Amino acid sequence: MDNLTYLNQLNEVVKLSQHDPERAEEMMVETEPMDEYRMMYEVIAGYVRQQYEKYLERIAQMDKEN
C-alpha cells in the first residue's frame, strides 16, 4: 500500500468513527501501522477507541432507560 492510500484509509476511519464507531474500531484493528506513520496511527487509534467507548456508553445508557 502506498503512502497516499494509507493516509486516505486513516482519514476514512476518522470520518467513519463519527457515524459508525463500531466499524471504525474494526477497521483500525485491520489496518497495520506503517513505520513512518506509526505515531499518527497511534493517535488515530486512540481517537477511534475513544469514540467507540462513547458509543458503548450511549448504548448502555439507552438500555438503562428502557
C-alpha atoms as a PDB file:
ATOM      1  CA  MET A   1       0.000   0.000   0.000  1.00  0.00           C
ATOM      2  CA  ASP A   2       1.407   3.386  -0.928  1.00  0.00           C
ATOM      3  CA  ASN A   3       1.543   6.314   1.492  1.00  0.00           C
ATOM      4  CA  LEU A   4      -1.336   8.281  -0.025  1.00  0.00           C
ATOM      5  CA  THR A   5      -3.645   5.272   0.013  1.00  0.00           C
ATOM      6  CA  TYR A   6      -2.704   4.565   3.615  1.00  0.00           C
ATOM      7  CA  LEU A   7      -3.333   8.151   4.725  1.00  0.00           C
ATOM      8  CA  ASN A   8      -6.658   8.196   2.883  1.00  0.00           C
ATOM      9  CA  GLN A   9      -7.646   4.997   4.661  1.00  0.00           C
ATOM     10  CA  LEU A  10      -6.818   6.529   8.068  1.00  0.00           C
ATOM     11  CA  ASN A  11      -8.818   9.621   7.117  1.00  0.00           C
ATOM     12  CA  GLU A  12     -11.819   7.479   6.205  1.00  0.00           C
ATOM     13  CA  VAL A  13     -11.598   5.677   9.557  1.00  0.00           C
ATOM     14  CA  VAL A  14     -11.701   9.015  11.398  1.00  0.00           C
ATOM     15  CA  LYS A  15     -14.760  10.102   9.387  1.00  0.00           C
ATOM     16  CA  LEU A  16     -16.431   6.743   9.938  1.00  0.00           C
ATOM     17  CA  SER A  17     -15.848   6.923  13.686  1.00  0.00           C
ATOM     18  CA  GLN A  18     -18.351   9.795  13.825  1.00  0.00           C
ATOM     19  CA  HIS A  19     -21.164   7.716  12.310  1.00  0.00           C
ATOM     20  CA  ASP A  20     -20.256   4.065  12.831  1.00  0.00           C
ATOM     21  CA  PRO A  21     -17.739   3.787  15.664  1.00  0.00           C
ATOM     22  CA  GLU A  22     -18.076   0.012  15.779  1.00  0.00           C
ATOM     23  CA  ARG A  23     -16.973  -0.395  12.152  1.00  0.00           C
ATOM     24  CA  ALA A  24     -14.225   2.196  12.602  1.00  0.00           C
ATOM     25  CA  GLU A  25     -12.840   0.188  15.518  1.00  0.00           C
ATOM     26  CA  GLU A  26     -12.843  -2.953  13.335  1.00  0.00           C
ATOM     27  CA  MET A  27     -11.058  -1.102  10.538  1.00  0.00           C
ATOM     28  CA  MET A  28      -8.316   0.110  12.904  1.00  0.00           C
ATOM     29  CA  VAL A  29      -7.726  -3.461  14.008  1.00  0.00           C
ATOM     30  CA  GLU A  30      -7.470  -4.498  10.336  1.00  0.00           C
ATOM     31  CA  THR A  31      -5.079  -1.619   9.488  1.00  0.00           C
ATOM     32  CA  GLU A  32      -1.409  -2.326  10.070  1.00  0.00           C
ATOM     33  CA  PRO A  33       0.610   0.688  11.212  1.00  0.00           C
ATOM     34  CA  MET A  34       3.257   1.824   8.741  1.00  0.00           C
ATOM     35  CA  ASP A  35       6.563   2.690  10.400  1.00  0.00           C
ATOM     36  CA  GLU A  36       6.739   6.243   9.052  1.00  0.00           C
ATOM     37  CA  TYR A  37       3.174   6.937  10.254  1.00  0.00           C
ATOM     38  CA  ARG A  38       3.216   4.942  13.493  1.00  0.00           C
ATOM     39  CA  MET A  39       2.717   7.996  15.731  1.00  0.00           C
ATOM     40  CA  MET A  40      -0.188   9.225  13.598  1.00  0.00           C
ATOM     41  CA  TYR A  41      -1.658   5.717  13.596  1.00  0.00           C
ATOM     42  CA  GLU A  42      -1.486   5.570  17.406  1.00  0.00           C
ATOM     43  CA  VAL A  43      -3.204   8.950  17.777  1.00  0.00           C
ATOM     44  CA  ILE A  44      -5.972   7.966  15.368  1.00  0.00           C
ATOM     45  CA  ALA A  45      -6.379   4.561  17.000  1.00  0.00           C
ATOM     46  CA  GLY A  46      -6.742   6.271  20.379  1.00  0.00           C
ATOM     47  CA  TYR A  47      -9.351   8.648  18.984  1.00  0.00           C
ATOM     48  CA  VAL A  48     -11.301   5.816  17.354  1.00  0.00           C
ATOM     49  CA  ARG A  49     -11.200   3.820  20.605  1.00  0.00           C
ATOM     50  CA  GLN A  50     -12.491   6.863  22.492  1.00  0.00           C
ATOM     51  CA  GLN A  51     -15.375   7.292  20.028  1.00  0.00           C
ATOM     52  CA  TYR A  52     -16.189   3.590  20.299  1.00  0.00           C
ATOM     53  CA  GLU A  53     -16.230   3.763  24.111  1.00  0.00           C
ATOM     54  CA  LYS A  54     -18.609   6.753  23.973  1.00  0.00           C
ATOM     55  CA  TYR A  55     -20.798   4.752  21.594  1.00  0.00           C
ATOM     56  CA  LEU A  56     -20.879   1.808  24.016  1.00  0.00           C
ATOM     57  CA  GLU A  57     -21.719   4.161  26.901  1.00  0.00           C
ATOM     58  CA  ARG A  58     -24.638   5.634  24.922  1.00  0.00           C
ATOM     59  CA  ILE A  59     -25.953   2.136  24.218  1.00  0.00           C
ATOM     60  CA  ALA A  60     -25.658   1.202  27.898  1.00  0.00           C
ATOM     61  CA  GLN A  61     -27.459   4.408  28.895  1.00  0.00           C
ATOM     62  CA  MET A  62     -30.272   3.688  26.430  1.00  0.00           C
ATOM     63  CA  ASP A  63     -30.584   0.165  27.842  1.00  0.00           C
ATOM     64  CA  LYS A  64     -30.914   1.583  31.375  1.00  0.00           C
ATOM     65  CA  GLU A  65     -33.621   3.997  30.247  1.00  0.00           C
ATOM     66  CA  ASN A  66     -35.658   1.242  28.595  1.00  0.00           C
END
